Amino acid sequence: MNKHRVLITGITGFVGPHLADFLLSQGDVELTGTYRKVENLHTLGSLRDRVHLIQMDLTDKASVQQTLEQTRPDVVFHLAAQSNVARSWQEPARTFDVNVLGTIHLFEAIRTLSLNPVIQIACSSEQYGLVTQEELPVTEETAFHPLSPYAVSRVTIDLLGYQYFKSYGMRVIRTRAFNHTGPGQTDQFVCSRFAKKIAEIEKGLSDPILTVGNLDAVRDFTDVRDMVRAYALSVTTGKTGEAYVISSDVGRTISDVLELLLGMSRVPIRVETDPALLRPSDVPALFGESKKFRETTGWKPEIPFEETLQDLLTYWRARV
């Protein structure tokens, strides 16, 4: 029997190596991953020998077309993106080029080559933006009120997925993932930034002060290893054309997250607010209800949040 041909765009990002590791553990998969920068290939570790790698620039239509023509996948996990909310304020045009134009190039390559893969589009809870207290928890039916260039780009990708499904019958599944964290995440994201700073302070590489932004914000965190299981299930048991919220269904303040991590620290640390870490506009509270996805796929988170944070801190202790 032929192996399923699977393409992961942006395989060297945070989620890509975890997804690749999970898929390879499940059975016969011919796995290809795209990357943009050679220097990021280290994130794959030992997986590098088990994945066919192709350098691809999402903003280059010919590059995307050539990749799809070469791989002709049965399944596409579209992870490649400019995914940092804070950076999107500094680079809104670049964020749209990569996220929106890149997704159009992907869809158009699939369409013009007459391919018919199942396509998982990794959308984001940031799309919902400024939800009211009455709208919580967020579901698939909650209206979008995006509050950052990144969030607007994700709304656009989501709607493009729906449009290509309706217009061309593309087998698109849109997953709206809430925050996910764990080993391998860069320090551009809040849990990982806290963990890295604690590891640096423990080793005497930094003063015992941790600067923070808005600690009152409420977010919904899932372990990345649970999230990639959800992504895999979305393409095997999800319904094409549908959108699915994927979340832990638990809202936590950033202050609570920080308190848990500080409780794992081996040294005392002082916390100070840094106005530079506050965003031009921020979402006060955002947590989901993943009932639709759980009932469709049977998925549920399995890794306790405390274990996720401990693994993240262990990851940084080994690297700073």
C-alpha atoms as a PDB file:
ATOM      1  CA  MET A   1       0.000   0.000   0.000  1.00  0.00           C
ATOM      2  CA  ASN A   2       1.298   3.458  -0.872  1.00  0.00           C
ATOM      3  CA  LYS A   3       2.251   5.761   1.953  1.00  0.00           C
ATOM      4  CA  HIS A   4       0.172   8.871   2.531  1.00  0.00           C
ATOM      5  CA  ARG A   5       2.029  11.894   1.197  1.00  0.00           C
ATOM      6  CA  VAL A   6       1.891  14.626   3.817  1.00  0.00           C
ATOM      7  CA  LEU A   7       3.170  18.186   3.451  1.00  0.00           C
ATOM      8  CA  ILE A   8       3.807  20.443   6.440  1.00  0.00           C
ATOM      9  CA  THR A   9       4.475  24.052   5.523  1.00  0.00           C
ATOM     10  CA  GLY A  10       6.693  25.846   8.020  1.00  0.00           C
ATOM     11  CA  ILE A  11       7.982  22.640   9.571  1.00  0.00           C
ATOM     12  CA  THR A  12      10.823  24.367  11.444  1.00  0.00           C
ATOM     13  CA  GLY A  13       8.468  26.536  13.499  1.00  0.00           C
ATOM     14  CA  PHE A  14       7.292  25.750  17.002  1.00  0.00           C
ATOM     15  CA  VAL A  15       4.490  23.352  16.067  1.00  0.00           C
ATOM     16  CA  GLY A  16       6.072  21.708  13.007  1.00  0.00           C
ATOM     17  CA  PRO A  17       8.611  19.427  14.737  1.00  0.00           C
ATOM     18  CA  HIS A  18       5.994  18.262  17.256  1.00  0.00           C
ATOM     19  CA  LEU A  19       3.516  17.519  14.460  1.00  0.00           C
ATOM     20  CA  ALA A  20       6.145  15.720  12.386  1.00  0.00           C
ATOM     21  CA  ASP A  21       7.171  13.602  15.359  1.00  0.00           C
ATOM     22  CA  PHE A  22       3.551  12.642  16.056  1.00  0.00           C
ATOM     23  CA  LEU A  23       2.716  11.802  12.433  1.00  0.00           C
ATOM     24  CA  LEU A  24       5.832   9.669  12.005  1.00  0.00           C
ATOM     25  CA  SER A  25       4.920   7.740  15.143  1.00  0.00           C
ATOM     26  CA  GLN A  26       1.481   6.877  13.754  1.00  0.00           C
ATOM     27  CA  GLY A  27       2.360   4.780  10.710  1.00  0.00           C
ATOM     28  CA  ASP A  28       3.122   4.908   7.009  1.00  0.00           C
ATOM     29  CA  VAL A  29       3.687   8.542   6.116  1.00  0.00           C
ATOM     30  CA  GLU A  30       5.839  10.044   3.399  1.00  0.00           C
ATOM     31  CA  LEU A  31       6.513  13.362   5.080  1.00  0.00           C
ATOM     32  CA  THR A  32       7.740  16.544   3.413  1.00  0.00           C
ATOM     33  CA  GLY A  33       8.318  19.804   5.229  1.00  0.00           C
ATOM     34  CA  THR A  34       9.022  23.272   3.920  1.00  0.00           C
ATOM     35  CA  TYR A  35      11.357  25.760   5.538  1.00  0.00           C
ATOM     36  CA  ARG A  36      12.492  29.278   4.708  1.00  0.00           C
ATOM     37  CA  LYS A  37      15.798  29.699   6.556  1.00  0.00           C
ATOM     38  CA  VAL A  38      18.549  27.081   6.650  1.00  0.00           C
ATOM     39  CA  GLU A  39      19.566  28.222  10.132  1.00  0.00           C
ATOM     40  CA  ASN A  40      16.191  27.076  11.498  1.00  0.00           C
ATOM     41  CA  LEU A  41      16.641  23.433  10.494  1.00  0.00           C
ATOM     42  CA  HIS A  42      18.182  22.679  13.894  1.00  0.00           C
ATOM     43  CA  THR A  43      14.673  22.734  15.415  1.00  0.00           C
ATOM     44  CA  LEU A  44      14.001  19.361  13.795  1.00  0.00           C
ATOM     45  CA  GLY A  45      16.800  17.583  15.653  1.00  0.00           C
ATOM     46  CA  SER A  46      16.914  13.872  14.795  1.00  0.00           C
ATOM     47  CA  LEU A  47      13.723  14.202  12.743  1.00  0.00           C
ATOM     48  CA  ARG A  48      15.780  15.846  10.019  1.00  0.00           C
ATOM     49  CA  ASP A  49      16.834  12.426   8.695  1.00  0.00           C
ATOM     50  CA  ARG A  50      13.233  11.233   8.463  1.00  0.00           C
ATOM     51  CA  VAL A  51      11.671  14.179   6.637  1.00  0.00           C
ATOM     52  CA  HIS A  52      12.124  15.306   3.043  1.00  0.00           C
ATOM     53  CA  LEU A  53      12.902  19.011   3.296  1.00  0.00           C
ATOM     54  CA  ILE A  54      12.242  21.698   0.679  1.00  0.00           C
ATOM     55  CA  GLN A  55      13.208  25.344   0.949  1.00  0.00           C
ATOM     56  CA  MET A  56      10.174  27.429   0.039  1.00  0.00           C
ATOM     57  CA  ASP A  57       9.188  31.083   0.265  1.00  0.00           C
ATOM     58  CA  LEU A  58       5.419  31.490   0.682  1.00  0.00           C
ATOM     59  CA  THR A  59       5.561  34.984  -0.788  1.00  0.00           C
ATOM     60  CA  ASP A  60       7.084  33.602  -4.009  1.00  0.00           C
ATOM     61  CA  LYS A  61       4.310  32.139  -6.173  1.00  0.00           C
ATOM     62  CA  ALA A  62       6.721  30.108  -8.334  1.00  0.00           C
ATOM     63  CA  SER A  63       8.391  28.612  -5.253  1.00  0.00           C
ATOM     64  CA  VAL A  64       5.047  27.453  -3.860  1.00  0.00           C
ATOM     65  CA  GLN A  65       3.899  26.106  -7.229  1.00  0.00           C
ATOM     66  CA  GLN A  66       7.114  24.122  -7.675  1.00  0.00           C
ATOM     67  CA  THR A  67       6.842  22.626  -4.188  1.00  0.00           C
ATOM     68  CA  LEU A  68       3.262  21.447  -4.691  1.00  0.00           C
ATOM     69  CA  GLU A  69       4.061  20.068  -8.135  1.00  0.00           C
ATOM     70  CA  GLN A  70       6.990  18.131  -6.705  1.00  0.00           C
ATOM     71  CA  THR A  71       5.217  16.743  -3.621  1.00  0.00           C
ATOM     72  CA  ARG A  72       1.575  16.282  -4.805  1.00  0.00           C
ATOM     73  CA  PRO A  73       0.404  15.714  -1.226  1.00  0.00           C
ATOM     74  CA  ASP A  74      -2.652  13.824   0.025  1.00  0.00           C
ATOM     75  CA  VAL A  75      -2.716  16.003   3.153  1.00  0.00           C
ATOM     76  CA  VAL A  76      -1.431  19.534   3.762  1.00  0.00           C
ATOM     77  CA  PHE A  77      -0.886  21.012   7.206  1.00  0.00           C
ATOM     78  CA  HIS A  78      -0.487  24.725   6.550  1.00  0.00           C
ATOM     79  CA  LEU A  79       1.508  26.021   9.517  1.00  0.00           C
ATOM     80  CA  ALA A  80       3.866  28.503   7.853  1.00  0.00           C
ATOM     81  CA  ALA A  81       3.109  32.034   9.002  1.00  0.00           C
ATOM     82  CA  GLN A  82       4.326  35.180  10.686  1.00  0.00           C
ATOM     83  CA  SER A  83       2.697  34.169  13.961  1.00  0.00           C
ATOM     84  CA  ASN A  84       3.953  36.725  16.466  1.00  0.00           C
ATOM     85  CA  VAL A  85       1.264  39.207  17.490  1.00  0.00           C
ATOM     86  CA  ALA A  86       3.698  41.815  18.811  1.00  0.00           C
ATOM     87  CA  ARG A  87       5.798  41.708  15.624  1.00  0.00           C
ATOM     88  CA  SER A  88       2.701  42.244  13.503  1.00  0.00           C
ATOM     89  CA  TRP A  89       2.423  45.756  14.925  1.00  0.00           C
ATOM     90  CA  GLN A  90       5.928  46.544  13.662  1.00  0.00           C
ATOM     91  CA  GLU A  91       5.585  44.621  10.390  1.00  0.00           C
ATOM     92  CA  PRO A  92       1.919  44.662   9.303  1.00  0.00           C
ATOM     93  CA  ALA A  93       2.693  44.503   5.573  1.00  0.00           C
ATOM     94  CA  ARG A  94       5.142  41.617   6.025  1.00  0.00           C
ATOM     95  CA  THR A  95       2.564  39.814   8.167  1.00  0.00           C
ATOM     96  CA  PHE A  96      -0.021  40.078   5.383  1.00  0.00           C
ATOM     97  CA  ASP A  97       2.456  39.107   2.675  1.00  0.00           C
ATOM     98  CA  VAL A  98       3.409  35.896   4.452  1.00  0.00           C
ATOM     99  CA  ASN A  99       0.059  34.941   5.937  1.00  0.00           C
ATOM    100  CA  VAL A 100      -2.507  36.068   3.378  1.00  0.00           C
ATOM    101  CA  LEU A 101      -0.624  36.199   0.073  1.00  0.00           C
ATOM    102  CA  GLY A 102       1.219  33.014   1.016  1.00  0.00           C
ATOM    103  CA  THR A 103      -2.047  31.180   1.639  1.00  0.00           C
ATOM    104  CA  ILE A 104      -3.445  32.382  -1.681  1.00  0.00           C
ATOM    105  CA  HIS A 105      -0.323  31.069  -3.428  1.00  0.00           C
ATOM    106  CA  LEU A 106      -0.836  27.706  -1.709  1.00  0.00           C
ATOM    107  CA  PHE A 107      -4.499  27.457  -2.683  1.00  0.00           C
ATOM    108  CA  GLU A 108      -3.829  28.584  -6.241  1.00  0.00           C
ATOM    109  CA  ALA A 109      -1.030  26.046  -6.686  1.00  0.00           C
ATOM    110  CA  ILE A 110      -3.338  23.282  -5.488  1.00  0.00           C
ATOM    111  CA  ARG A 111      -6.120  24.492  -7.778  1.00  0.00           C
ATOM    112  CA  THR A 112      -4.061  24.946 -10.935  1.00  0.00           C
ATOM    113  CA  LEU A 113      -2.353  21.569 -10.473  1.00  0.00           C
ATOM    114  CA  SER A 114      -5.766  19.878  -9.980  1.00  0.00           C
ATOM    115  CA  LEU A 115      -4.659  18.363  -6.687  1.00  0.00           C
ATOM    116  CA  ASN A 116      -7.197  17.248  -4.090  1.00  0.00           C
ATOM    117  CA  PRO A 117      -5.543  17.068  -0.669  1.00  0.00           C
ATOM    118  CA  VAL A 118      -7.228  17.583   2.679  1.00  0.00           C
ATOM    119  CA  ILE A 119      -5.902  20.983   3.801  1.00  0.00           C
ATOM    120  CA  GLN A 120      -5.718  21.941   7.453  1.00  0.00           C
ATOM    121  CA  ILE A 121      -5.464  25.706   7.854  1.00  0.00           C
ATOM    122  CA  ALA A 122      -3.996  26.650  11.232  1.00  0.00           C
ATOM    123  CA  CYS A 123      -6.126  29.633  12.197  1.00  0.00           C
ATOM    124  CA  SER A 124      -6.074  31.356  15.588  1.00  0.00           C
ATOM    125  CA  SER A 125      -8.161  32.391  18.572  1.00  0.00           C
ATOM    126  CA  GLU A 126      -6.697  35.889  18.068  1.00  0.00           C
ATOM    127  CA  GLN A 127      -9.285  36.273  15.291  1.00  0.00           C
ATOM    128  CA  TYR A 128     -12.026  36.722  17.884  1.00  0.00           C
ATOM    129  CA  GLY A 129     -10.313  39.686  19.480  1.00  0.00           C
ATOM    130  CA  LEU A 130     -12.437  41.983  21.623  1.00  0.00           C
ATOM    131  CA  VAL A 131     -15.131  39.623  22.853  1.00  0.00           C
ATOM    132  CA  THR A 132     -17.550  40.729  25.559  1.00  0.00           C
ATOM    133  CA  GLN A 133     -17.994  38.900  28.849  1.00  0.00           C
ATOM    134  CA  GLU A 134     -21.351  37.672  27.559  1.00  0.00           C
ATOM    135  CA  GLU A 135     -19.654  36.069  24.521  1.00  0.00           C
ATOM    136  CA  LEU A 136     -17.340  33.888  26.634  1.00  0.00           C
ATOM    137  CA  PRO A 137     -16.470  31.108  26.209  1.00  0.00           C
ATOM    138  CA  VAL A 138     -15.740  31.572  22.527  1.00  0.00           C
ATOM    139  CA  THR A 139     -17.272  29.108  20.053  1.00  0.00           C
ATOM    140  CA  GLU A 140     -17.237  28.748  16.275  1.00  0.00           C
ATOM    141  CA  GLU A 141     -20.257  31.089  16.120  1.00  0.00           C
ATOM    142  CA  THR A 142     -18.642  33.985  18.003  1.00  0.00           C
ATOM    143  CA  ALA A 143     -18.153  37.093  15.856  1.00  0.00           C
ATOM    144  CA  PHE A 144     -14.659  38.250  14.859  1.00  0.00           C
ATOM    145  CA  HIS A 145     -13.390  41.536  16.349  1.00  0.00           C
ATOM    146  CA  PRO A 146      -9.624  41.307  15.623  1.00  0.00           C
ATOM    147  CA  LEU A 147      -7.352  43.722  17.485  1.00  0.00           C
ATOM    148  CA  SER A 148      -3.967  43.273  15.772  1.00  0.00           C
ATOM    149  CA  PRO A 149      -2.620  43.071  12.218  1.00  0.00           C
ATOM    150  CA  TYR A 150      -1.823  39.412  12.927  1.00  0.00           C
ATOM    151  CA  ALA A 151      -5.409  38.724  13.978  1.00  0.00           C
ATOM    152  CA  VAL A 152      -6.808  40.446  10.873  1.00  0.00           C
ATOM    153  CA  SER A 153      -4.516  38.326   8.691  1.00  0.00           C
ATOM    154  CA  ARG A 154      -5.799  35.159  10.382  1.00  0.00           C
ATOM    155  CA  VAL A 155      -9.421  36.196   9.827  1.00  0.00           C
ATOM    156  CA  THR A 156      -8.589  36.646   6.158  1.00  0.00           C
ATOM    157  CA  ILE A 157      -6.954  33.217   5.924  1.00  0.00           C
ATOM    158  CA  ASP A 158      -9.947  31.634   7.629  1.00  0.00           C
ATOM    159  CA  LEU A 159     -12.373  33.242   5.177  1.00  0.00           C
ATOM    160  CA  LEU A 160     -10.157  32.342   2.231  1.00  0.00           C
ATOM    161  CA  GLY A 161     -10.332  28.719   3.351  1.00  0.00           C
ATOM    162  CA  TYR A 162     -14.125  28.888   3.363  1.00  0.00           C
ATOM    163  CA  GLN A 163     -14.215  30.650   0.007  1.00  0.00           C
ATOM    164  CA  TYR A 164     -11.955  28.101  -1.724  1.00  0.00           C
ATOM    165  CA  PHE A 165     -14.045  25.294  -0.230  1.00  0.00           C
ATOM    166  CA  LYS A 166     -17.274  26.807  -1.556  1.00  0.00           C
ATOM    167  CA  SER A 167     -15.883  28.022  -4.889  1.00  0.00           C
ATOM    168  CA  TYR A 168     -13.677  25.110  -5.884  1.00  0.00           C
ATOM    169  CA  GLY A 169     -14.627  22.249  -3.588  1.00  0.00           C
ATOM    170  CA  MET A 170     -11.218  22.273  -1.900  1.00  0.00           C
ATOM    171  CA  ARG A 171     -11.182  20.016   1.155  1.00  0.00           C
ATOM    172  CA  VAL A 172     -10.261  22.735   3.633  1.00  0.00           C
ATOM    173  CA  ILE A 173     -10.593  22.333   7.400  1.00  0.00           C
ATOM    174  CA  ARG A 174     -10.105  25.454   9.513  1.00  0.00           C
ATOM    175  CA  THR A 175      -8.786  24.936  13.049  1.00  0.00           C
ATOM    176  CA  ARG A 176      -8.996  27.936  15.356  1.00  0.00           C
ATOM    177  CA  ALA A 177      -6.388  27.050  17.955  1.00  0.00           C
ATOM    178  CA  PHE A 178      -6.156  28.883  21.247  1.00  0.00           C
ATOM    179  CA  ASN A 179      -2.757  29.534  22.835  1.00  0.00           C
ATOM    180  CA  HIS A 180      -0.454  26.531  22.876  1.00  0.00           C
ATOM    181  CA  THR A 181       2.908  26.265  24.550  1.00  0.00           C
ATOM    182  CA  GLY A 182       5.545  23.741  25.553  1.00  0.00           C
ATOM    183  CA  PRO A 183       9.136  22.676  24.821  1.00  0.00           C
ATOM    184  CA  GLY A 184      10.629  24.291  21.744  1.00  0.00           C
ATOM    185  CA  GLN A 185       8.633  27.522  21.821  1.00  0.00           C
ATOM    186  CA  THR A 186      10.623  30.706  21.220  1.00  0.00           C
ATOM    187  CA  ASP A 187      10.825  33.405  23.863  1.00  0.00           C
ATOM    188  CA  GLN A 188       8.659  35.693  21.721  1.00  0.00           C
ATOM    189  CA  PHE A 189       5.641  34.148  23.465  1.00  0.00           C
ATOM    190  CA  VAL A 190       4.664  34.804  27.057  1.00  0.00           C
ATOM    191  CA  CYS A 191       5.037  31.392  28.769  1.00  0.00           C
ATOM    192  CA  SER A 192       8.337  30.714  27.051  1.00  0.00           C
ATOM    193  CA  ARG A 193       9.650  34.224  27.730  1.00  0.00           C
ATOM    194  CA  PHE A 194       8.968  33.800  31.445  1.00  0.00           C
ATOM    195  CA  ALA A 195      10.549  30.320  31.498  1.00  0.00           C
ATOM    196  CA  LYS A 196      13.682  31.412  29.656  1.00  0.00           C
ATOM    197  CA  LYS A 197      14.158  34.404  31.946  1.00  0.00           C
ATOM    198  CA  ILE A 198      13.828  32.219  35.040  1.00  0.00           C
ATOM    199  CA  ALA A 199      16.419  29.799  33.641  1.00  0.00           C
ATOM    200  CA  GLU A 200      18.811  32.699  32.934  1.00  0.00           C
ATOM    201  CA  ILE A 201      18.371  34.099  36.446  1.00  0.00           C
ATOM    202  CA  GLU A 202      18.968  30.668  37.994  1.00  0.00           C
ATOM    203  CA  LYS A 203      22.304  30.426  36.185  1.00  0.00           C
ATOM    204  CA  GLY A 204      23.357  33.936  37.176  1.00  0.00           C
ATOM    205  CA  LEU A 205      23.148  35.194  33.598  1.00  0.00           C
ATOM    206  CA  SER A 206      20.645  37.905  34.455  1.00  0.00           C
ATOM    207  CA  ASP A 207      19.639  40.094  37.401  1.00  0.00           C
ATOM    208  CA  PRO A 208      16.858  38.508  39.499  1.00  0.00           C
ATOM    209  CA  ILE A 209      14.189  40.730  37.933  1.00  0.00           C
ATOM    210  CA  LEU A 210      11.484  39.560  35.539  1.00  0.00           C
ATOM    211  CA  THR A 211       9.778  42.323  33.561  1.00  0.00           C
ATOM    212  CA  VAL A 212       6.150  41.824  32.555  1.00  0.00           C
ATOM    213  CA  GLY A 213       3.362  43.425  30.565  1.00  0.00           C
ATOM    214  CA  ASN A 214      -0.350  43.001  31.226  1.00  0.00           C
ATOM    215  CA  LEU A 215      -0.742  40.262  33.837  1.00  0.00           C
ATOM    216  CA  ASP A 216      -4.526  40.621  34.036  1.00  0.00           C
ATOM    217  CA  ALA A 217      -5.185  39.240  30.552  1.00  0.00           C
ATOM    218  CA  VAL A 218      -6.990  35.887  30.555  1.00  0.00           C
ATOM    219  CA  ARG A 219      -5.918  33.245  28.039  1.00  0.00           C
ATOM    220  CA  ASP A 220      -6.580  29.579  27.232  1.00  0.00           C
ATOM    221  CA  PHE A 221      -3.430  27.399  27.074  1.00  0.00           C
ATOM    222  CA  THR A 222      -3.029  23.908  25.621  1.00  0.00           C
ATOM    223  CA  ASP A 223       0.148  21.822  25.480  1.00  0.00           C
ATOM    224  CA  VAL A 224       1.568  21.798  21.950  1.00  0.00           C
ATOM    225  CA  ARG A 225       1.774  17.999  22.066  1.00  0.00           C
ATOM    226  CA  ASP A 226      -1.976  17.848  22.643  1.00  0.00           C
ATOM    227  CA  MET A 227      -2.497  20.445  19.926  1.00  0.00           C
ATOM    228  CA  VAL A 228      -0.714  18.443  17.236  1.00  0.00           C
ATOM    229  CA  ARG A 229      -2.869  15.427  18.080  1.00  0.00           C
ATOM    230  CA  ALA A 230      -5.846  17.678  17.453  1.00  0.00           C
ATOM    231  CA  TYR A 231      -4.445  18.828  14.108  1.00  0.00           C
ATOM    232  CA  ALA A 232      -3.919  15.229  13.024  1.00  0.00           C
ATOM    233  CA  LEU A 233      -7.453  14.270  14.048  1.00  0.00           C
ATOM    234  CA  SER A 234      -8.898  17.259  12.207  1.00  0.00           C
ATOM    235  CA  VAL A 235      -7.852  15.854   8.808  1.00  0.00           C
ATOM    236  CA  THR A 236      -8.941  12.279   9.520  1.00  0.00           C
ATOM    237  CA  THR A 237     -12.249  12.807  11.321  1.00  0.00           C
ATOM    238  CA  GLY A 238     -13.103  16.482  10.767  1.00  0.00           C
ATOM    239  CA  LYS A 239     -15.612  17.612   8.144  1.00  0.00           C
ATOM    240  CA  THR A 240     -14.268  19.595   5.222  1.00  0.00           C
ATOM    241  CA  GLY A 241     -15.521  23.144   4.998  1.00  0.00           C
ATOM    242  CA  GLU A 242     -15.983  23.343   8.764  1.00  0.00           C
ATOM    243  CA  ALA A 243     -14.228  25.507  11.333  1.00  0.00           C
ATOM    244  CA  TYR A 244     -13.275  24.105  14.726  1.00  0.00           C
ATOM    245  CA  VAL A 245     -12.279  25.800  17.962  1.00  0.00           C
ATOM    246  CA  ILE A 246      -9.478  23.853  19.661  1.00  0.00           C
ATOM    247  CA  SER A 247      -8.906  24.847  23.271  1.00  0.00           C
ATOM    248  CA  SER A 248      -8.399  23.635  26.818  1.00  0.00           C
ATOM    249  CA  ASP A 249     -11.667  25.395  27.738  1.00  0.00           C
ATOM    250  CA  VAL A 250      -9.924  26.885  30.816  1.00  0.00           C
ATOM    251  CA  GLY A 251      -9.218  30.603  31.172  1.00  0.00           C
ATOM    252  CA  ARG A 252      -6.075  31.548  33.136  1.00  0.00           C
ATOM    253  CA  THR A 253      -4.694  34.976  33.912  1.00  0.00           C
ATOM    254  CA  ILE A 254      -1.118  35.619  32.849  1.00  0.00           C
ATOM    255  CA  SER A 255      -0.519  36.365  36.519  1.00  0.00           C
ATOM    256  CA  ASP A 256      -1.548  32.786  37.388  1.00  0.00           C
ATOM    257  CA  VAL A 257       0.820  31.422  34.724  1.00  0.00           C
ATOM    258  CA  LEU A 258       3.675  33.512  36.111  1.00  0.00           C
ATOM    259  CA  GLU A 259       2.929  32.399  39.676  1.00  0.00           C
ATOM    260  CA  LEU A 260       3.134  28.740  38.661  1.00  0.00           C
ATOM    261  CA  LEU A 261       6.485  29.276  36.930  1.00  0.00           C
ATOM    262  CA  LEU A 262       7.905  31.328  39.808  1.00  0.00           C
ATOM    263  CA  GLY A 263       6.916  28.469  42.112  1.00  0.00           C
ATOM    264  CA  MET A 264       9.210  26.215  40.062  1.00  0.00           C
ATOM    265  CA  SER A 265      12.149  28.630  40.262  1.00  0.00           C
ATOM    266  CA  ARG A 266      15.208  27.673  42.311  1.00  0.00           C
ATOM    267  CA  VAL A 267      15.931  31.294  43.270  1.00  0.00           C
ATOM    268  CA  PRO A 268      13.873  34.301  44.413  1.00  0.00           C
ATOM    269  CA  ILE A 269      12.822  36.625  41.584  1.00  0.00           C
ATOM    270  CA  ARG A 270      11.340  40.130  41.665  1.00  0.00           C
ATOM    271  CA  VAL A 271       8.602  41.038  39.151  1.00  0.00           C
ATOM    272  CA  GLU A 272       8.397  44.516  37.597  1.00  0.00           C
ATOM    273  CA  THR A 273       5.999  45.953  35.021  1.00  0.00           C
ATOM    274  CA  ASP A 274       7.575  47.295  31.815  1.00  0.00           C
ATOM    275  CA  PRO A 275       5.316  49.696  29.851  1.00  0.00           C
ATOM    276  CA  ALA A 276       7.192  48.736  26.665  1.00  0.00           C
ATOM    277  CA  LEU A 277       5.653  45.251  26.927  1.00  0.00           C
ATOM    278  CA  LEU A 278       2.110  46.604  26.839  1.00  0.00           C
ATOM    279  CA  ARG A 279       0.401  46.366  23.432  1.00  0.00           C
ATOM    280  CA  PRO A 280      -1.373  49.268  21.662  1.00  0.00           C
ATOM    281  CA  SER A 281      -4.589  47.298  22.199  1.00  0.00           C
ATOM    282  CA  ASP A 282      -5.004  44.056  24.072  1.00  0.00           C
ATOM    283  CA  VAL A 283      -7.737  41.476  24.465  1.00  0.00           C
ATOM    284  CA  PRO A 284      -8.811  41.369  28.149  1.00  0.00           C
ATOM    285  CA  ALA A 285     -10.103  37.792  28.157  1.00  0.00           C
ATOM    286  CA  LEU A 286     -10.124  35.008  25.588  1.00  0.00           C
ATOM    287  CA  PHE A 287     -10.926  31.377  26.280  1.00  0.00           C
ATOM    288  CA  GLY A 288     -12.744  28.802  24.253  1.00  0.00           C
ATOM    289  CA  GLU A 289     -15.283  26.026  24.203  1.00  0.00           C
ATOM    290  CA  SER A 290     -14.140  23.159  21.998  1.00  0.00           C
ATOM    291  CA  LYS A 291     -17.302  21.044  22.359  1.00  0.00           C
ATOM    292  CA  LYS A 292     -17.879  20.793  18.595  1.00  0.00           C
ATOM    293  CA  PHE A 293     -14.345  19.556  17.914  1.00  0.00           C
ATOM    294  CA  ARG A 294     -14.344  17.145  20.861  1.00  0.00           C
ATOM    295  CA  GLU A 295     -17.655  15.598  19.827  1.00  0.00           C
ATOM    296  CA  THR A 296     -16.520  15.298  16.200  1.00  0.00           C
ATOM    297  CA  THR A 297     -13.081  13.800  16.829  1.00  0.00           C
ATOM    298  CA  GLY A 298     -13.023  12.427  20.381  1.00  0.00           C
ATOM    299  CA  TRP A 299     -10.052  14.661  21.209  1.00  0.00           C
ATOM    300  CA  LYS A 300      -9.364  16.122  24.632  1.00  0.00           C
ATOM    301  CA  PRO A 301      -6.235  17.576  26.255  1.00  0.00           C
ATOM    302  CA  GLU A 302      -4.229  14.988  28.197  1.00  0.00           C
ATOM    303  CA  ILE A 303      -1.176  16.866  29.552  1.00  0.00           C
ATOM    304  CA  PRO A 304      -1.718  18.901  32.766  1.00  0.00           C
ATOM    305  CA  PHE A 305      -0.782  22.563  32.431  1.00  0.00           C
ATOM    306  CA  GLU A 306       1.684  22.354  35.323  1.00  0.00           C
ATOM    307  CA  GLU A 307       3.520  19.579  33.480  1.00  0.00           C
ATOM    308  CA  THR A 308       3.599  21.707  30.330  1.00  0.00           C
ATOM    309  CA  LEU A 309       5.232  24.586  32.219  1.00  0.00           C
ATOM    310  CA  GLN A 310       7.699  22.277  33.958  1.00  0.00           C
ATOM    311  CA  ASP A 311       8.736  20.764  30.619  1.00  0.00           C
ATOM    312  CA  LEU A 312       9.090  24.254  29.152  1.00  0.00           C
ATOM    313  CA  LEU A 313      11.295  25.380  32.033  1.00  0.00           C
ATOM    314  CA  THR A 314      13.381  22.198  31.741  1.00  0.00           C
ATOM    315  CA  TYR A 315      13.788  22.930  28.022  1.00  0.00           C
ATOM    316  CA  TRP A 316      15.200  26.397  28.724  1.00  0.00           C
ATOM    317  CA  ARG A 317      17.385  25.232  31.621  1.00  0.00           C
ATOM    318  CA  ALA A 318      19.163  22.942  29.156  1.00  0.00           C
ATOM    319  CA  ARG A 319      19.710  25.742  26.631  1.00  0.00           C
ATOM    320  CA  VAL A 320      20.628  29.010  28.346  1.00  0.00           C
END
